């Protein structure tokens, strides 16, 4: 049986923030790099918190978090602040 992951109000708000930012468009089709970077910068902070949530997943969390951190590293290179 799987265990539910308990989320704090801050973690729940971060997930809702990411969902709201990403639901405004249907994927990345038609977006240029500038648009993608704006979207990434809008969700970067909540993504960092999401990684902490993902790490709580038994068995696969650390590996999934490492993959997300790698992808965020690529996005940081493509979209410098």
PDB file of N, CA and C in Angstrom:
ATOM      1  N   UNK A   1       0.845  -1.182   0.000  1.00  0.00           N
ATOM      2  CA  UNK A   1       0.000   0.000   0.000  1.00  0.00           C
ATOM      3  C   UNK A   1       0.884   1.235   0.000  1.00  0.00           C
ATOM      4  N   UNK A   2       0.518   2.238  -0.765  1.00  0.00           N
ATOM      5  CA  UNK A   2       1.330   3.454  -0.839  1.00  0.00           C
ATOM      6  C   UNK A   2       0.956   4.422   0.266  1.00  0.00           C
ATOM      7  N   UNK A   3       1.957   5.177   0.687  1.00  0.00           N
ATOM      8  CA  UNK A   3       1.741   6.183   1.709  1.00  0.00           C
ATOM      9  C   UNK A   3       1.517   7.531   1.048  1.00  0.00           C
ATOM     10  N   UNK A   4       0.637   8.324   1.613  1.00  0.00           N
ATOM     11  CA  UNK A   4       0.416   9.668   1.101  1.00  0.00           C
ATOM     12  C   UNK A   4       1.538  10.568   1.589  1.00  0.00           C
ATOM     13  N   UNK A   5       1.968  11.460   0.742  1.00  0.00           N
ATOM     14  CA  UNK A   5       2.981  12.431   1.133  1.00  0.00           C
ATOM     15  C   UNK A   5       2.266  13.647   1.688  1.00  0.00           C
ATOM     16  N   UNK A   6       2.627  14.025   2.885  1.00  0.00           N
ATOM     17  CA  UNK A   6       2.028  15.179   3.524  1.00  0.00           C
ATOM     18  C   UNK A   6       2.747  16.441   3.055  1.00  0.00           C
ATOM     19  N   UNK A   7       1.992  17.397   2.543  1.00  0.00           N
ATOM     20  CA  UNK A   7       2.569  18.640   2.043  1.00  0.00           C
ATOM     21  C   UNK A   7       2.217  19.809   2.946  1.00  0.00           C
ATOM     22  N   UNK A   8       3.168  20.698   3.117  1.00  0.00           N
ATOM     23  CA  UNK A   8       2.921  21.913   3.887  1.00  0.00           C
ATOM     24  C   UNK A   8       2.114  22.886   3.029  1.00  0.00           C
ATOM     25  N   UNK A   9       1.642  23.959   3.646  1.00  0.00           N
ATOM     26  CA  UNK A   9       0.919  24.979   2.887  1.00  0.00           C
ATOM     27  C   UNK A   9       1.822  25.598   1.827  1.00  0.00           C
ATOM     28  N   UNK A  10       3.092  25.799   2.168  1.00  0.00           N
ATOM     29  CA  UNK A  10       4.049  26.367   1.223  1.00  0.00           C
ATOM     30  C   UNK A  10       4.263  25.435   0.030  1.00  0.00           C
ATOM     31  N   UNK A  11       4.371  24.144   0.276  1.00  0.00           N
ATOM     32  CA  UNK A  11       4.552  23.171  -0.800  1.00  0.00           C
ATOM     33  C   UNK A  11       3.314  23.096  -1.687  1.00  0.00           C
ATOM     34  N   UNK A  12       2.153  23.105  -1.070  1.00  0.00           N
ATOM     35  CA  UNK A  12       0.901  23.077  -1.829  1.00  0.00           C
ATOM     36  C   UNK A  12       0.773  24.331  -2.691  1.00  0.00           C
ATOM     37  N   UNK A  13       1.128  25.479  -2.126  1.00  0.00           N
ATOM     38  CA  UNK A  13       1.071  26.733  -2.882  1.00  0.00           C
ATOM     39  C   UNK A  13       2.044  26.705  -4.053  1.00  0.00           C
ATOM     40  N   UNK A  14       3.227  26.111  -3.866  1.00  0.00           N
ATOM     41  CA  UNK A  14       4.205  26.013  -4.949  1.00  0.00           C
ATOM     42  C   UNK A  14       3.656  25.165  -6.085  1.00  0.00           C
ATOM     43  N   UNK A  15       3.045  24.031  -5.751  1.00  0.00           N
ATOM     44  CA  UNK A  15       2.453  23.177  -6.786  1.00  0.00           C
ATOM     45  C   UNK A  15       1.342  23.899  -7.531  1.00  0.00           C
ATOM     46  N   UNK A  16       0.523  24.632  -6.812  1.00  0.00           N
ATOM     47  CA  UNK A  16      -0.564  25.375  -7.444  1.00  0.00           C
ATOM     48  C   UNK A  16      -0.016  26.477  -8.347  1.00  0.00           C
ATOM     49  N   UNK A  17       1.080  27.113  -7.927  1.00  0.00           N
ATOM     50  CA  UNK A  17       1.715  28.155  -8.720  1.00  0.00           C
ATOM     51  C   UNK A  17       2.243  27.598 -10.036  1.00  0.00           C
ATOM     52  N   UNK A  18       2.897  26.447  -9.974  1.00  0.00           N
ATOM     53  CA  UNK A  18       3.409  25.803 -11.181  1.00  0.00           C
ATOM     54  C   UNK A  18       2.252  25.417 -12.100  1.00  0.00           C
ATOM     55  N   UNK A  19       1.221  24.814 -11.518  1.00  0.00           N
ATOM     56  CA  UNK A  19       0.066  24.396 -12.311  1.00  0.00           C
ATOM     57  C   UNK A  19      -0.582  25.588 -13.005  1.00  0.00           C
ATOM     58  N   UNK A  20      -0.745  26.689 -12.283  1.00  0.00           N
ATOM     59  CA  UNK A  20      -1.364  27.881 -12.864  1.00  0.00           C
ATOM     60  C   UNK A  20      -0.522  28.455 -13.993  1.00  0.00           C
ATOM     61  N   UNK A  21       0.791  28.514 -13.789  1.00  0.00           N
ATOM     62  CA  UNK A  21       1.677  29.073 -14.826  1.00  0.00           C
ATOM     63  C   UNK A  21       1.703  28.204 -16.070  1.00  0.00           C
ATOM     64  N   UNK A  22       1.696  26.905 -15.897  1.00  0.00           N
ATOM     65  CA  UNK A  22       1.778  26.001 -17.043  1.00  0.00           C
ATOM     66  C   UNK A  22       0.446  25.778 -17.735  1.00  0.00           C
ATOM     67  N   UNK A  23      -0.649  26.012 -17.042  1.00  0.00           N
ATOM     68  CA  UNK A  23      -1.959  25.754 -17.648  1.00  0.00           C
ATOM     69  C   UNK A  23      -2.391  26.878 -18.587  1.00  0.00           C
ATOM     70  N   UNK A  24      -1.668  27.994 -18.592  1.00  0.00           N
ATOM     71  CA  UNK A  24      -2.030  29.110 -19.467  1.00  0.00           C
ATOM     72  C   UNK A  24      -1.690  28.855 -20.929  1.00  0.00           C
ATOM     73  N   UNK A  25      -0.846  27.861 -21.183  1.00  0.00           N
ATOM     74  CA  UNK A  25      -0.487  27.534 -22.558  1.00  0.00           C
ATOM     75  C   UNK A  25      -0.655  26.037 -22.764  1.00  0.00           C
ATOM     76  N   UNK A  26      -0.733  25.652 -24.008  1.00  0.00           N
ATOM     77  CA  UNK A  26      -0.830  24.226 -24.310  1.00  0.00           C
ATOM     78  C   UNK A  26       0.537  23.748 -24.792  1.00  0.00           C
ATOM     79  N   UNK A  27       1.429  23.476 -23.873  1.00  0.00           N
ATOM     80  CA  UNK A  27       2.759  23.001 -24.211  1.00  0.00           C
ATOM     81  C   UNK A  27       3.679  24.130 -24.625  1.00  0.00           C
ATOM     82  N   UNK A  28       4.674  23.783 -25.429  1.00  0.00           N
ATOM     83  CA  UNK A  28       5.676  24.768 -25.835  1.00  0.00           C
ATOM     84  C   UNK A  28       5.578  25.122 -27.315  1.00  0.00           C
ATOM     85  N   UNK A  29       4.650  24.533 -28.014  1.00  0.00           N
ATOM     86  CA  UNK A  29       4.504  24.803 -29.444  1.00  0.00           C
ATOM     87  C   UNK A  29       4.164  26.273 -29.672  1.00  0.00           C
ATOM     88  N   UNK A  30       4.893  26.895 -30.562  1.00  0.00           N
ATOM     89  CA  UNK A  30       4.634  28.290 -30.889  1.00  0.00           C
ATOM     90  C   UNK A  30       5.320  29.288 -29.978  1.00  0.00           C
ATOM     91  N   UNK A  31       5.987  28.827 -28.932  1.00  0.00           N
ATOM     92  CA  UNK A  31       6.695  29.732 -28.029  1.00  0.00           C
ATOM     93  C   UNK A  31       8.146  29.865 -28.484  1.00  0.00           C
ATOM     94  N   UNK A  32       8.670  31.073 -28.400  1.00  0.00           N
ATOM     95  CA  UNK A  32      10.084  31.241 -28.712  1.00  0.00           C
ATOM     96  C   UNK A  32      10.882  31.131 -27.414  1.00  0.00           C
ATOM     97  N   UNK A  33      12.208  31.181 -27.521  1.00  0.00           N
ATOM     98  CA  UNK A  33      13.057  31.014 -26.349  1.00  0.00           C
ATOM     99  C   UNK A  33      12.760  32.069 -25.290  1.00  0.00           C
ATOM    100  N   UNK A  34      12.486  33.286 -25.716  1.00  0.00           N
ATOM    101  CA  UNK A  34      12.155  34.345 -24.752  1.00  0.00           C
ATOM    102  C   UNK A  34      10.911  34.009 -23.946  1.00  0.00           C
ATOM    103  N   UNK A  35       9.880  33.501 -24.632  1.00  0.00           N
ATOM    104  CA  UNK A  35       8.645  33.111 -23.938  1.00  0.00           C
ATOM    105  C   UNK A  35       8.906  31.946 -22.978  1.00  0.00           C
ATOM    106  N   UNK A  36       9.685  30.972 -23.450  1.00  0.00           N
ATOM    107  CA  UNK A  36       9.999  29.828 -22.596  1.00  0.00           C
ATOM    108  C   UNK A  36      10.780  30.270 -21.370  1.00  0.00           C
ATOM    109  N   UNK A  37      11.721  31.182 -21.557  1.00  0.00           N
ATOM    110  CA  UNK A  37      12.518  31.662 -20.427  1.00  0.00           C
ATOM    111  C   UNK A  37      11.648  32.419 -19.426  1.00  0.00           C
ATOM    112  N   UNK A  38      10.708  33.230 -19.919  1.00  0.00           N
ATOM    113  CA  UNK A  38       9.798  33.934 -19.004  1.00  0.00           C
ATOM    114  C   UNK A  38       8.990  32.929 -18.183  1.00  0.00           C
ATOM    115  N   UNK A  39       8.495  31.901 -18.847  1.00  0.00           N
ATOM    116  CA  UNK A  39       7.703  30.879 -18.154  1.00  0.00           C
ATOM    117  C   UNK A  39       8.572  30.147 -17.134  1.00  0.00           C
ATOM    118  N   UNK A  40       9.802  29.796 -17.535  1.00  0.00           N
ATOM    119  CA  UNK A  40      10.717  29.109 -16.622  1.00  0.00           C
ATOM    120  C   UNK A  40      11.043  29.989 -15.414  1.00  0.00           C
ATOM    121  N   UNK A  41      11.345  31.250 -15.652  1.00  0.00           N
ATOM    122  CA  UNK A  41      11.677  32.137 -14.534  1.00  0.00           C
ATOM    123  C   UNK A  41      10.483  32.275 -13.576  1.00  0.00           C
ATOM    124  N   UNK A  42       9.274  32.213 -14.110  1.00  0.00           N
ATOM    125  CA  UNK A  42       8.077  32.318 -13.275  1.00  0.00           C
ATOM    126  C   UNK A  42       7.894  31.105 -12.364  1.00  0.00           C
ATOM    127  N   UNK A  43       8.371  29.939 -12.822  1.00  0.00           N
ATOM    128  CA  UNK A  43       8.144  28.726 -12.024  1.00  0.00           C
ATOM    129  C   UNK A  43       9.421  28.185 -11.379  1.00  0.00           C
ATOM    130  N   UNK A  44      10.552  28.848 -11.572  1.00  0.00           N
ATOM    131  CA  UNK A  44      11.822  28.332 -11.062  1.00  0.00           C
ATOM    132  C   UNK A  44      11.804  28.147  -9.542  1.00  0.00           C
ATOM    133  N   UNK A  45      11.360  29.139  -8.820  1.00  0.00           N
ATOM    134  CA  UNK A  45      11.306  29.042  -7.356  1.00  0.00           C
ATOM    135  C   UNK A  45      10.409  27.899  -6.882  1.00  0.00           C
ATOM    136  N   UNK A  46       9.170  27.843  -7.386  1.00  0.00           N
ATOM    137  CA  UNK A  46       8.321  26.720  -7.009  1.00  0.00           C
ATOM    138  C   UNK A  46       8.903  25.364  -7.417  1.00  0.00           C
ATOM    139  N   UNK A  47       9.620  25.310  -8.535  1.00  0.00           N
ATOM    140  CA  UNK A  47      10.251  24.052  -8.948  1.00  0.00           C
ATOM    141  C   UNK A  47      11.296  23.598  -7.931  1.00  0.00           C
ATOM    142  N   UNK A  48      12.050  24.556  -7.390  1.00  0.00           N
ATOM    143  CA  UNK A  48      13.043  24.202  -6.371  1.00  0.00           C
ATOM    144  C   UNK A  48      12.365  23.558  -5.170  1.00  0.00           C
ATOM    145  N   UNK A  49      11.214  24.091  -4.791  1.00  0.00           N
ATOM    146  CA  UNK A  49      10.455  23.507  -3.680  1.00  0.00           C
ATOM    147  C   UNK A  49       9.877  22.151  -4.083  1.00  0.00           C
ATOM    148  N   UNK A  50       9.442  22.030  -5.326  1.00  0.00           N
ATOM    149  CA  UNK A  50       8.912  20.763  -5.821  1.00  0.00           C
ATOM    150  C   UNK A  50       9.964  19.662  -5.734  1.00  0.00           C
ATOM    151  N   UNK A  51      11.202  19.994  -5.990  1.00  0.00           N
ATOM    152  CA  UNK A  51      12.278  19.003  -5.898  1.00  0.00           C
ATOM    153  C   UNK A  51      12.358  18.444  -4.485  1.00  0.00           C
ATOM    154  N   UNK A  52      12.159  19.296  -3.487  1.00  0.00           N
ATOM    155  CA  UNK A  52      12.156  18.818  -2.100  1.00  0.00           C
ATOM    156  C   UNK A  52      11.008  17.835  -1.867  1.00  0.00           C
ATOM    157  N   UNK A  53       9.871  18.084  -2.497  1.00  0.00           N
ATOM    158  CA  UNK A  53       8.723  17.187  -2.376  1.00  0.00           C
ATOM    159  C   UNK A  53       9.037  15.861  -3.056  1.00  0.00           C
ATOM    160  N   UNK A  54       9.576  15.926  -4.260  1.00  0.00           N
ATOM    161  CA  UNK A  54       9.886  14.724  -5.035  1.00  0.00           C
ATOM    162  C   UNK A  54      10.868  13.837  -4.281  1.00  0.00           C
ATOM    163  N   UNK A  55      11.824  14.440  -3.596  1.00  0.00           N
ATOM    164  CA  UNK A  55      12.816  13.666  -2.842  1.00  0.00           C
ATOM    165  C   UNK A  55      12.173  12.803  -1.758  1.00  0.00           C
ATOM    166  N   UNK A  56      10.952  13.140  -1.338  1.00  0.00           N
ATOM    167  CA  UNK A  56      10.244  12.375  -0.308  1.00  0.00           C
ATOM    168  C   UNK A  56       9.663  11.065  -0.849  1.00  0.00           C
ATOM    169  N   UNK A  57       9.607  10.913  -2.155  1.00  0.00           N
ATOM    170  CA  UNK A  57       9.023   9.712  -2.747  1.00  0.00           C
ATOM    171  C   UNK A  57       9.979   8.547  -2.540  1.00  0.00           C
ATOM    172  N   UNK A  58       9.532   7.531  -1.821  1.00  0.00           N
ATOM    173  CA  UNK A  58      10.420   6.390  -1.554  1.00  0.00           C
ATOM    174  C   UNK A  58      10.845   5.687  -2.847  1.00  0.00           C
ATOM    175  N   UNK A  59      12.086   5.294  -2.884  1.00  0.00           N
ATOM    176  CA  UNK A  59      12.584   4.492  -3.995  1.00  0.00           C
ATOM    177  C   UNK A  59      13.081   5.276  -5.192  1.00  0.00           C
ATOM    178  N   UNK A  60      12.241   6.161  -5.733  1.00  0.00           N
ATOM    179  CA  UNK A  60      12.623   6.867  -6.960  1.00  0.00           C
ATOM    180  C   UNK A  60      12.829   8.357  -6.781  1.00  0.00           C
ATOM    181  N   UNK A  61      12.446   8.888  -5.660  1.00  0.00           N
ATOM    182  CA  UNK A  61      12.462  10.339  -5.459  1.00  0.00           C
ATOM    183  C   UNK A  61      13.797  10.997  -5.701  1.00  0.00           C
ATOM    184  N   UNK A  62      14.866  10.421  -5.159  1.00  0.00           N
ATOM    185  CA  UNK A  62      16.186  11.035  -5.303  1.00  0.00           C
ATOM    186  C   UNK A  62      16.615  11.070  -6.768  1.00  0.00           C
ATOM    187  N   UNK A  63      16.321  10.008  -7.504  1.00  0.00           N
ATOM    188  CA  UNK A  63      16.714   9.961  -8.919  1.00  0.00           C
ATOM    189  C   UNK A  63      15.894  10.925  -9.766  1.00  0.00           C
ATOM    190  N   UNK A  64      14.609  11.018  -9.487  1.00  0.00           N
ATOM    191  CA  UNK A  64      13.759  11.953 -10.225  1.00  0.00           C
ATOM    192  C   UNK A  64      14.182  13.388  -9.898  1.00  0.00           C
ATOM    193  N   UNK A  65      14.474  13.658  -8.631  1.00  0.00           N
ATOM    194  CA  UNK A  65      14.923  14.990  -8.229  1.00  0.00           C
ATOM    195  C   UNK A  65      16.236  15.347  -8.925  1.00  0.00           C
ATOM    196  N   UNK A  66      17.146  14.398  -9.032  1.00  0.00           N
ATOM    197  CA  UNK A  66      18.422  14.649  -9.715  1.00  0.00           C
ATOM    198  C   UNK A  66      18.187  14.990 -11.185  1.00  0.00           C
ATOM    199  N   UNK A  67      17.251  14.307 -11.818  1.00  0.00           N
ATOM    200  CA  UNK A  67      16.932  14.594 -13.218  1.00  0.00           C
ATOM    201  C   UNK A  67      16.338  16.000 -13.354  1.00  0.00           C
ATOM    202  N   UNK A  68      15.451  16.363 -12.442  1.00  0.00           N
ATOM    203  CA  UNK A  68      14.867  17.710 -12.468  1.00  0.00           C
ATOM    204  C   UNK A  68      15.939  18.777 -12.253  1.00  0.00           C
ATOM    205  N   UNK A  69      16.852  18.522 -11.319  1.00  0.00           N
ATOM    206  CA  UNK A  69      17.933  19.470 -11.066  1.00  0.00           C
ATOM    207  C   UNK A  69      18.819  19.623 -12.302  1.00  0.00           C
ATOM    208  N   UNK A  70      19.085  18.523 -12.997  1.00  0.00           N
ATOM    209  CA  UNK A  70      19.866  18.577 -14.231  1.00  0.00           C
ATOM    210  C   UNK A  70      19.149  19.432 -15.277  1.00  0.00           C
ATOM    211  N   UNK A  71      17.856  19.184 -15.476  1.00  0.00           N
ATOM    212  CA  UNK A  71      17.095  19.940 -16.457  1.00  0.00           C
ATOM    213  C   UNK A  71      16.995  21.422 -16.087  1.00  0.00           C
ATOM    214  N   UNK A  72      16.877  21.695 -14.801  1.00  0.00           N
ATOM    215  CA  UNK A  72      16.863  23.094 -14.365  1.00  0.00           C
ATOM    216  C   UNK A  72      18.225  23.740 -14.629  1.00  0.00           C
ATOM    217  N   UNK A  73      19.295  22.983 -14.477  1.00  0.00           N
ATOM    218  CA  UNK A  73      20.615  23.496 -14.792  1.00  0.00           C
ATOM    219  C   UNK A  73      20.726  23.886 -16.256  1.00  0.00           C
ATOM    220  N   UNK A  74      20.185  23.055 -17.139  1.00  0.00           N
ATOM    221  CA  UNK A  74      20.157  23.386 -18.563  1.00  0.00           C
ATOM    222  C   UNK A  74      19.336  24.657 -18.813  1.00  0.00           C
ATOM    223  N   UNK A  75      18.196  24.738 -18.156  1.00  0.00           N
ATOM    224  CA  UNK A  75      17.339  25.918 -18.326  1.00  0.00           C
ATOM    225  C   UNK A  75      18.032  27.164 -17.782  1.00  0.00           C
ATOM    226  N   UNK A  76      18.787  27.033 -16.705  1.00  0.00           N
ATOM    227  CA  UNK A  76      19.518  28.179 -16.162  1.00  0.00           C
ATOM    228  C   UNK A  76      20.555  28.689 -17.157  1.00  0.00           C
ATOM    229  N   UNK A  77      21.182  27.771 -17.897  1.00  0.00           N
ATOM    230  CA  UNK A  77      22.160  28.158 -18.920  1.00  0.00           C
ATOM    231  C   UNK A  77      21.456  28.845 -20.086  1.00  0.00           C
ATOM    232  N   UNK A  78      20.325  28.297 -20.513  1.00  0.00           N
ATOM    233  CA  UNK A  78      19.588  28.844 -21.647  1.00  0.00           C
ATOM    234  C   UNK A  78      18.868  30.143 -21.304  1.00  0.00           C
ATOM    235  N   UNK A  79      18.506  30.284 -20.028  1.00  0.00           N
ATOM    236  CA  UNK A  79      17.705  31.431 -19.589  1.00  0.00           C
ATOM    237  C   UNK A  79      18.353  32.137 -18.400  1.00  0.00           C
ATOM    238  N   UNK A  80      19.526  32.746 -18.601  1.00  0.00           N
ATOM    239  CA  UNK A  80      20.180  33.405 -17.458  1.00  0.00           C
ATOM    240  C   UNK A  80      19.338  34.578 -16.949  1.00  0.00           C
ATOM    241  N   UNK A  81      19.449  34.811 -15.673  1.00  0.00           N
ATOM    242  CA  UNK A  81      18.679  35.912 -15.052  1.00  0.00           C
ATOM    243  C   UNK A  81      19.344  37.233 -15.377  1.00  0.00           C
TER     244      UNK A  81
END
